[in-house]
């Protein structure tokens, strides 16, 4: 960018900075959400909840399906990122 562009865009700097921060926060949240280790830990906790009687079979099945789908999505995302 040229000097003129920088001067004209200076008033928007706080907005651009906030946008950058927001993108970083979203990227980190997605990284944690799709972390296979975190998903597997949640699955182990889910099994413990079932075994302790904290949840019933129906709730276990629903939550397990959601976690397994998320794990599959995480692996698909890793494969796609490796291809780029």
PDB file of N, CA and C in Angstrom:
ATOM      1  N   UNK A   1       0.833  -1.179   0.000  1.00  0.00           N
ATOM      2  CA  UNK A   1       0.000   0.000   0.000  1.00  0.00           C
ATOM      3  C   UNK A   1       0.873   1.236   0.000  1.00  0.00           C
ATOM      4  N   UNK A   2       0.363   2.209  -0.620  1.00  0.00           N
ATOM      5  CA  UNK A   2       1.091   3.462  -0.660  1.00  0.00           C
ATOM      6  C   UNK A   2       0.808   4.313   0.565  1.00  0.00           C
ATOM      7  N   UNK A   3       1.549   5.375   0.680  1.00  0.00           N
ATOM      8  CA  UNK A   3       1.409   6.282   1.815  1.00  0.00           C
ATOM      9  C   UNK A   3       0.007   6.884   1.872  1.00  0.00           C
ATOM     10  N   UNK A   4      -0.519   7.279   0.722  1.00  0.00           N
ATOM     11  CA  UNK A   4      -1.866   7.879   0.667  1.00  0.00           C
ATOM     12  C   UNK A   4      -2.904   6.871   1.160  1.00  0.00           C
ATOM     13  N   UNK A   5      -2.792   5.631   0.713  1.00  0.00           N
ATOM     14  CA  UNK A   5      -3.747   4.599   1.139  1.00  0.00           C
ATOM     15  C   UNK A   5      -3.677   4.400   2.646  1.00  0.00           C
ATOM     16  N   UNK A   6      -2.467   4.363   3.178  1.00  0.00           N
ATOM     17  CA  UNK A   6      -2.299   4.193   4.624  1.00  0.00           C
ATOM     18  C   UNK A   6      -2.948   5.338   5.390  1.00  0.00           C
ATOM     19  N   UNK A   7      -2.743   6.551   4.914  1.00  0.00           N
ATOM     20  CA  UNK A   7      -3.318   7.722   5.586  1.00  0.00           C
ATOM     21  C   UNK A   7      -4.844   7.680   5.521  1.00  0.00           C
ATOM     22  N   UNK A   8      -5.386   7.324   4.341  1.00  0.00           N
ATOM     23  CA  UNK A   8      -6.840   7.274   4.198  1.00  0.00           C
ATOM     24  C   UNK A   8      -7.464   6.159   5.031  1.00  0.00           C
ATOM     25  N   UNK A   9      -6.756   5.062   5.208  1.00  0.00           N
ATOM     26  CA  UNK A   9      -7.295   3.926   5.955  1.00  0.00           C
ATOM     27  C   UNK A   9      -7.007   3.993   7.448  1.00  0.00           C
ATOM     28  N   UNK A  10      -6.229   4.969   7.878  1.00  0.00           N
ATOM     29  CA  UNK A  10      -5.864   5.081   9.285  1.00  0.00           C
ATOM     30  C   UNK A  10      -7.072   5.130  10.231  1.00  0.00           C
ATOM     31  N   UNK A  11      -8.135   5.884   9.922  1.00  0.00           N
ATOM     32  CA  UNK A  11      -9.284   5.892  10.831  1.00  0.00           C
ATOM     33  C   UNK A  11      -9.929   4.508  10.995  1.00  0.00           C
ATOM     34  N   UNK A  12      -9.761   3.634  10.023  1.00  0.00           N
ATOM     35  CA  UNK A  12     -10.364   2.303  10.106  1.00  0.00           C
ATOM     36  C   UNK A  12      -9.453   1.301  10.808  1.00  0.00           C
ATOM     37  N   UNK A  13      -8.274   1.723  11.247  1.00  0.00           N
ATOM     38  CA  UNK A  13      -7.316   0.800  11.867  1.00  0.00           C
ATOM     39  C   UNK A  13      -7.894   0.049  13.062  1.00  0.00           C
ATOM     40  N   UNK A  14      -8.618   0.708  13.975  1.00  0.00           N
ATOM     41  CA  UNK A  14      -9.172  -0.055  15.096  1.00  0.00           C
ATOM     42  C   UNK A  14     -10.152  -1.148  14.639  1.00  0.00           C
ATOM     43  N   UNK A  15     -10.930  -0.867  13.626  1.00  0.00           N
ATOM     44  CA  UNK A  15     -11.885  -1.852  13.110  1.00  0.00           C
ATOM     45  C   UNK A  15     -11.135  -3.016  12.470  1.00  0.00           C
ATOM     46  N   UNK A  16     -10.110  -2.700  11.680  1.00  0.00           N
ATOM     47  CA  UNK A  16      -9.319  -3.759  11.049  1.00  0.00           C
ATOM     48  C   UNK A  16      -8.621  -4.595  12.107  1.00  0.00           C
ATOM     49  N   UNK A  17      -8.119  -3.946  13.153  1.00  0.00           N
ATOM     50  CA  UNK A  17      -7.459  -4.669  14.246  1.00  0.00           C
ATOM     51  C   UNK A  17      -8.428  -5.568  14.985  1.00  0.00           C
ATOM     52  N   UNK A  18      -9.626  -5.074  15.242  1.00  0.00           N
ATOM     53  CA  UNK A  18     -10.647  -5.887  15.918  1.00  0.00           C
ATOM     54  C   UNK A  18     -11.045  -7.070  15.053  1.00  0.00           C
ATOM     55  N   UNK A  19     -11.125  -6.852  13.747  1.00  0.00           N
ATOM     56  CA  UNK A  19     -11.452  -7.948  12.831  1.00  0.00           C
ATOM     57  C   UNK A  19     -10.384  -9.024  12.860  1.00  0.00           C
ATOM     58  N   UNK A  20      -9.118  -8.611  12.914  1.00  0.00           N
ATOM     59  CA  UNK A  20      -8.021  -9.569  12.982  1.00  0.00           C
ATOM     60  C   UNK A  20      -8.097 -10.384  14.273  1.00  0.00           C
ATOM     61  N   UNK A  21      -8.344  -9.703  15.379  1.00  0.00           N
ATOM     62  CA  UNK A  21      -8.447 -10.391  16.674  1.00  0.00           C
ATOM     63  C   UNK A  21      -9.603 -11.388  16.642  1.00  0.00           C
ATOM     64  N   UNK A  22     -10.728 -10.988  16.100  1.00  0.00           N
ATOM     65  CA  UNK A  22     -11.886 -11.865  16.020  1.00  0.00           C
ATOM     66  C   UNK A  22     -11.573 -13.102  15.178  1.00  0.00           C
ATOM     67  N   UNK A  23     -10.890 -12.918  14.061  1.00  0.00           N
ATOM     68  CA  UNK A  23     -10.508 -14.068  13.219  1.00  0.00           C
ATOM     69  C   UNK A  23      -9.588 -15.019  13.965  1.00  0.00           C
ATOM     70  N   UNK A  24      -8.675 -14.462  14.767  1.00  0.00           N
ATOM     71  CA  UNK A  24      -7.760 -15.308  15.541  1.00  0.00           C
ATOM     72  C   UNK A  24      -8.507 -16.101  16.609  1.00  0.00           C
ATOM     73  N   UNK A  25      -9.459 -15.458  17.271  1.00  0.00           N
ATOM     74  CA  UNK A  25     -10.253 -16.124  18.308  1.00  0.00           C
ATOM     75  C   UNK A  25     -11.081 -17.253  17.692  1.00  0.00           C
ATOM     76  N   UNK A  26     -11.711 -16.988  16.564  1.00  0.00           N
ATOM     77  CA  UNK A  26     -12.516 -18.011  15.888  1.00  0.00           C
ATOM     78  C   UNK A  26     -11.635 -19.174  15.449  1.00  0.00           C
ATOM     79  N   UNK A  27     -10.473 -18.880  14.905  1.00  0.00           N
ATOM     80  CA  UNK A  27      -9.561 -19.946  14.455  1.00  0.00           C
ATOM     81  C   UNK A  27      -9.128 -20.814  15.630  1.00  0.00           C
ATOM     82  N   UNK A  28      -8.823 -20.214  16.767  1.00  0.00           N
ATOM     83  CA  UNK A  28      -8.415 -20.995  17.940  1.00  0.00           C
ATOM     84  C   UNK A  28      -9.583 -21.813  18.489  1.00  0.00           C
ATOM     85  N   UNK A  29     -10.764 -21.239  18.507  1.00  0.00           N
ATOM     86  CA  UNK A  29     -11.941 -21.981  18.977  1.00  0.00           C
ATOM     87  C   UNK A  29     -12.203 -23.193  18.078  1.00  0.00           C
ATOM     88  N   UNK A  30     -12.074 -23.003  16.774  1.00  0.00           N
ATOM     89  CA  UNK A  30     -12.259 -24.128  15.848  1.00  0.00           C
ATOM     90  C   UNK A  30     -11.178 -25.180  16.045  1.00  0.00           C
ATOM     91  N   UNK A  31      -9.953 -24.744  16.271  1.00  0.00           N
ATOM     92  CA  UNK A  31      -8.858 -25.692  16.485  1.00  0.00           C
ATOM     93  C   UNK A  31      -9.131 -26.548  17.714  1.00  0.00           C
ATOM     94  N   UNK A  32      -9.585 -25.937  18.787  1.00  0.00           N
ATOM     95  CA  UNK A  32      -9.886 -26.684  20.001  1.00  0.00           C
ATOM     96  C   UNK A  32     -11.108 -27.584  19.812  1.00  0.00           C
ATOM     97  N   UNK A  33     -12.124 -27.080  19.139  1.00  0.00           N
ATOM     98  CA  UNK A  33     -13.358 -27.842  18.925  1.00  0.00           C
ATOM     99  C   UNK A  33     -13.095 -29.090  18.096  1.00  0.00           C
ATOM    100  N   UNK A  34     -12.214 -28.984  17.091  1.00  0.00           N
ATOM    101  CA  UNK A  34     -11.934 -30.094  16.197  1.00  0.00           C
ATOM    102  C   UNK A  34     -10.668 -30.873  16.575  1.00  0.00           C
ATOM    103  N   UNK A  35     -10.144 -30.654  17.758  1.00  0.00           N
ATOM    104  CA  UNK A  35      -8.958 -31.372  18.208  1.00  0.00           C
ATOM    105  C   UNK A  35      -9.345 -32.826  18.529  1.00  0.00           C
ATOM    106  N   UNK A  36      -8.820 -33.795  17.762  1.00  0.00           N
ATOM    107  CA  UNK A  36      -9.194 -35.198  17.987  1.00  0.00           C
ATOM    108  C   UNK A  36      -8.938 -35.667  19.415  1.00  0.00           C
ATOM    109  N   UNK A  37      -7.868 -35.210  20.038  1.00  0.00           N
ATOM    110  CA  UNK A  37      -7.573 -35.624  21.412  1.00  0.00           C
ATOM    111  C   UNK A  37      -8.662 -35.141  22.372  1.00  0.00           C
ATOM    112  N   UNK A  38      -9.130 -33.919  22.163  1.00  0.00           N
ATOM    113  CA  UNK A  38     -10.186 -33.372  23.019  1.00  0.00           C
ATOM    114  C   UNK A  38     -11.497 -34.131  22.811  1.00  0.00           C
ATOM    115  N   UNK A  39     -11.782 -34.488  21.574  1.00  0.00           N
ATOM    116  CA  UNK A  39     -13.013 -35.230  21.277  1.00  0.00           C
ATOM    117  C   UNK A  39     -12.952 -36.615  21.912  1.00  0.00           C
ATOM    118  N   UNK A  40     -11.807 -37.281  21.813  1.00  0.00           N
ATOM    119  CA  UNK A  40     -11.657 -38.600  22.419  1.00  0.00           C
ATOM    120  C   UNK A  40     -11.773 -38.527  23.932  1.00  0.00           C
ATOM    121  N   UNK A  41     -11.270 -37.463  24.521  1.00  0.00           N
ATOM    122  CA  UNK A  41     -11.409 -37.266  25.959  1.00  0.00           C
ATOM    123  C   UNK A  41     -12.882 -37.107  26.331  1.00  0.00           C
ATOM    124  N   UNK A  42     -13.625 -36.373  25.517  1.00  0.00           N
ATOM    125  CA  UNK A  42     -15.065 -36.223  25.756  1.00  0.00           C
ATOM    126  C   UNK A  42     -15.781 -37.565  25.636  1.00  0.00           C
ATOM    127  N   UNK A  43     -15.359 -38.379  24.668  1.00  0.00           N
ATOM    128  CA  UNK A  43     -15.959 -39.708  24.513  1.00  0.00           C
ATOM    129  C   UNK A  43     -15.708 -40.567  25.750  1.00  0.00           C
ATOM    130  N   UNK A  44     -14.489 -40.530  26.278  1.00  0.00           N
ATOM    131  CA  UNK A  44     -14.186 -41.298  27.494  1.00  0.00           C
ATOM    132  C   UNK A  44     -15.042 -40.813  28.666  1.00  0.00           C
ATOM    133  N   UNK A  45     -15.193 -39.506  28.778  1.00  0.00           N
ATOM    134  CA  UNK A  45     -16.044 -38.960  29.836  1.00  0.00           C
ATOM    135  C   UNK A  45     -17.494 -39.380  29.672  1.00  0.00           C
ATOM    136  N   UNK A  46     -17.925 -39.468  28.436  1.00  0.00           N
ATOM    137  CA  UNK A  46     -19.290 -39.892  28.149  1.00  0.00           C
ATOM    138  C   UNK A  46     -19.513 -41.340  28.593  1.00  0.00           C
ATOM    139  N   UNK A  47     -18.531 -42.204  28.312  1.00  0.00           N
ATOM    140  CA  UNK A  47     -18.619 -43.610  28.742  1.00  0.00           C
ATOM    141  C   UNK A  47     -18.677 -43.682  30.267  1.00  0.00           C
ATOM    142  N   UNK A  48     -17.860 -42.876  30.927  1.00  0.00           N
ATOM    143  CA  UNK A  48     -17.874 -42.840  32.392  1.00  0.00           C
ATOM    144  C   UNK A  48     -19.240 -42.403  32.913  1.00  0.00           C
ATOM    145  N   UNK A  49     -19.837 -41.402  32.267  1.00  0.00           N
ATOM    146  CA  UNK A  49     -21.171 -40.940  32.670  1.00  0.00           C
ATOM    147  C   UNK A  49     -22.205 -42.051  32.520  1.00  0.00           C
ATOM    148  N   UNK A  50     -22.106 -42.810  31.459  1.00  0.00           N
ATOM    149  CA  UNK A  50     -23.036 -43.924  31.246  1.00  0.00           C
ATOM    150  C   UNK A  50     -22.839 -44.990  32.315  1.00  0.00           C
ATOM    151  N   UNK A  51     -21.590 -45.355  32.552  1.00  0.00           N
ATOM    152  CA  UNK A  51     -21.297 -46.408  33.528  1.00  0.00           C
ATOM    153  C   UNK A  51     -21.680 -46.011  34.946  1.00  0.00           C
ATOM    154  N   UNK A  52     -21.583 -44.734  35.260  1.00  0.00           N
ATOM    155  CA  UNK A  52     -21.934 -44.266  36.610  1.00  0.00           C
ATOM    156  C   UNK A  52     -23.431 -44.047  36.776  1.00  0.00           C
ATOM    157  N   UNK A  53     -24.170 -44.095  35.666  1.00  0.00           N
ATOM    158  CA  UNK A  53     -25.608 -43.887  35.735  1.00  0.00           C
ATOM    159  C   UNK A  53     -26.021 -42.429  35.627  1.00  0.00           C
ATOM    160  N   UNK A  54     -25.064 -41.556  35.350  1.00  0.00           N
ATOM    161  CA  UNK A  54     -25.374 -40.126  35.240  1.00  0.00           C
ATOM    162  C   UNK A  54     -26.235 -39.840  34.006  1.00  0.00           C
ATOM    163  N   UNK A  55     -26.096 -40.674  32.968  1.00  0.00           N
ATOM    164  CA  UNK A  55     -26.923 -40.535  31.769  1.00  0.00           C
ATOM    165  C   UNK A  55     -27.454 -41.910  31.387  1.00  0.00           C
ATOM    166  N   UNK A  56     -28.548 -41.909  30.619  1.00  0.00           N
ATOM    167  CA  UNK A  56     -29.100 -43.187  30.172  1.00  0.00           C
ATOM    168  C   UNK A  56     -28.586 -43.526  28.772  1.00  0.00           C
ATOM    169  N   UNK A  57     -28.953 -44.709  28.305  1.00  0.00           N
ATOM    170  CA  UNK A  57     -28.488 -45.191  26.988  1.00  0.00           C
ATOM    171  C   UNK A  57     -28.877 -44.238  25.851  1.00  0.00           C
ATOM    172  N   UNK A  58     -30.093 -43.719  25.909  1.00  0.00           N
ATOM    173  CA  UNK A  58     -30.569 -42.851  24.834  1.00  0.00           C
ATOM    174  C   UNK A  58     -29.729 -41.579  24.729  1.00  0.00           C
ATOM    175  N   UNK A  59     -29.495 -40.950  25.878  1.00  0.00           N
ATOM    176  CA  UNK A  59     -28.672 -39.739  25.861  1.00  0.00           C
ATOM    177  C   UNK A  59     -27.246 -40.069  25.435  1.00  0.00           C
ATOM    178  N   UNK A  60     -26.737 -41.197  25.918  1.00  0.00           N
ATOM    179  CA  UNK A  60     -25.391 -41.625  25.523  1.00  0.00           C
ATOM    180  C   UNK A  60     -25.301 -41.764  24.011  1.00  0.00           C
ATOM    181  N   UNK A  61     -26.269 -42.458  23.420  1.00  0.00           N
ATOM    182  CA  UNK A  61     -26.253 -42.681  21.970  1.00  0.00           C
ATOM    183  C   UNK A  61     -26.278 -41.367  21.195  1.00  0.00           C
ATOM    184  N   UNK A  62     -27.117 -40.435  21.628  1.00  0.00           N
ATOM    185  CA  UNK A  62     -27.217 -39.148  20.941  1.00  0.00           C
ATOM    186  C   UNK A  62     -25.907 -38.368  21.026  1.00  0.00           C
ATOM    187  N   UNK A  63     -25.365 -38.296  22.228  1.00  0.00           N
ATOM    188  CA  UNK A  63     -24.125 -37.531  22.416  1.00  0.00           C
ATOM    189  C   UNK A  63     -22.939 -38.219  21.759  1.00  0.00           C
ATOM    190  N   UNK A  64     -22.928 -39.551  21.801  1.00  0.00           N
ATOM    191  CA  UNK A  64     -21.847 -40.288  21.147  1.00  0.00           C
ATOM    192  C   UNK A  64     -21.879 -40.058  19.644  1.00  0.00           C
ATOM    193  N   UNK A  65     -23.079 -40.115  19.049  1.00  0.00           N
ATOM    194  CA  UNK A  65     -23.201 -39.865  17.605  1.00  0.00           C
ATOM    195  C   UNK A  65     -22.660 -38.486  17.234  1.00  0.00           C
ATOM    196  N   UNK A  66     -23.002 -37.480  18.045  1.00  0.00           N
ATOM    197  CA  UNK A  66     -22.539 -36.118  17.766  1.00  0.00           C
ATOM    198  C   UNK A  66     -21.014 -36.032  17.873  1.00  0.00           C
ATOM    199  N   UNK A  67     -20.448 -36.675  18.895  1.00  0.00           N
ATOM    200  CA  UNK A  67     -18.996 -36.638  19.059  1.00  0.00           C
ATOM    201  C   UNK A  67     -18.282 -37.399  17.948  1.00  0.00           C
ATOM    202  N   UNK A  68     -18.829 -38.540  17.547  1.00  0.00           N
ATOM    203  CA  UNK A  68     -18.204 -39.302  16.473  1.00  0.00           C
ATOM    204  C   UNK A  68     -18.269 -38.545  15.147  1.00  0.00           C
ATOM    205  N   UNK A  69     -19.361 -37.843  14.929  1.00  0.00           N
ATOM    206  CA  UNK A  69     -19.480 -37.023  13.720  1.00  0.00           C
ATOM    207  C   UNK A  69     -18.452 -35.887  13.746  1.00  0.00           C
ATOM    208  N   UNK A  70     -18.301 -35.282  14.920  1.00  0.00           N
ATOM    209  CA  UNK A  70     -17.318 -34.207  15.075  1.00  0.00           C
ATOM    210  C   UNK A  70     -15.895 -34.741  14.863  1.00  0.00           C
ATOM    211  N   UNK A  71     -15.623 -35.954  15.352  1.00  0.00           N
ATOM    212  CA  UNK A  71     -14.318 -36.562  15.163  1.00  0.00           C
ATOM    213  C   UNK A  71     -14.057 -36.831  13.683  1.00  0.00           C
ATOM    214  N   UNK A  72     -15.071 -37.299  12.994  1.00  0.00           N
ATOM    215  CA  UNK A  72     -14.944 -37.530  11.550  1.00  0.00           C
ATOM    216  C   UNK A  72     -14.694 -36.208  10.815  1.00  0.00           C
ATOM    217  N   UNK A  73     -15.417 -35.171  11.199  1.00  0.00           N
ATOM    218  CA  UNK A  73     -15.202 -33.846  10.603  1.00  0.00           C
ATOM    219  C   UNK A  73     -13.774 -33.365  10.863  1.00  0.00           C
ATOM    220  N   UNK A  74     -13.282 -33.594  12.076  1.00  0.00           N
ATOM    221  CA  UNK A  74     -11.924 -33.168  12.426  1.00  0.00           C
ATOM    222  C   UNK A  74     -10.904 -33.873  11.549  1.00  0.00           C
ATOM    223  N   UNK A  75     -11.083 -35.149  11.352  1.00  0.00           N
ATOM    224  CA  UNK A  75     -10.142 -35.901  10.517  1.00  0.00           C
ATOM    225  C   UNK A  75     -10.235 -35.460   9.056  1.00  0.00           C
ATOM    226  N   UNK A  76     -11.431 -35.174   8.606  1.00  0.00           N
ATOM    227  CA  UNK A  76     -11.619 -34.694   7.233  1.00  0.00           C
ATOM    228  C   UNK A  76     -10.930 -33.339   7.057  1.00  0.00           C
ATOM    229  N   UNK A  77     -11.068 -32.470   8.045  1.00  0.00           N
ATOM    230  CA  UNK A  77     -10.438 -31.147   7.981  1.00  0.00           C
ATOM    231  C   UNK A  77      -8.917 -31.270   7.953  1.00  0.00           C
ATOM    232  N   UNK A  78      -8.376 -32.188   8.757  1.00  0.00           N
ATOM    233  CA  UNK A  78      -6.925 -32.398   8.772  1.00  0.00           C
ATOM    234  C   UNK A  78      -6.443 -32.902   7.420  1.00  0.00           C
ATOM    235  N   UNK A  79      -7.211 -33.803   6.810  1.00  0.00           N
ATOM    236  CA  UNK A  79      -6.846 -34.324   5.503  1.00  0.00           C
ATOM    237  C   UNK A  79      -6.863 -33.208   4.464  1.00  0.00           C
ATOM    238  N   UNK A  80      -7.880 -32.367   4.520  1.00  0.00           N
ATOM    239  CA  UNK A  80      -7.983 -31.261   3.566  1.00  0.00           C
ATOM    240  C   UNK A  80      -6.863 -30.249   3.768  1.00  0.00           C
ATOM    241  N   UNK A  81      -6.513 -29.976   5.010  1.00  0.00           N
ATOM    242  CA  UNK A  81      -5.443 -29.023   5.272  1.00  0.00           C
ATOM    243  C   UNK A  81      -4.097 -29.587   4.834  1.00  0.00           C
ATOM    244  N   UNK A  82      -3.927 -30.886   4.958  1.00  0.00           N
ATOM    245  CA  UNK A  82      -2.688 -31.518   4.511  1.00  0.00           C
ATOM    246  C   UNK A  82      -2.552 -31.500   3.006  1.00  0.00           C
ATOM    247  N   UNK A  83      -3.679 -31.457   2.298  1.00  0.00           N
ATOM    248  CA  UNK A  83      -3.663 -31.455   0.829  1.00  0.00           C
ATOM    249  C   UNK A  83      -3.307 -30.070   0.275  1.00  0.00           C
ATOM    250  N   UNK A  84      -3.461 -29.037   1.102  1.00  0.00           N
ATOM    251  CA  UNK A  84      -3.185 -27.668   0.620  1.00  0.00           C
ATOM    252  C   UNK A  84      -1.770 -27.295   0.811  1.00  0.00           C
TER     253      UNK A  84
END
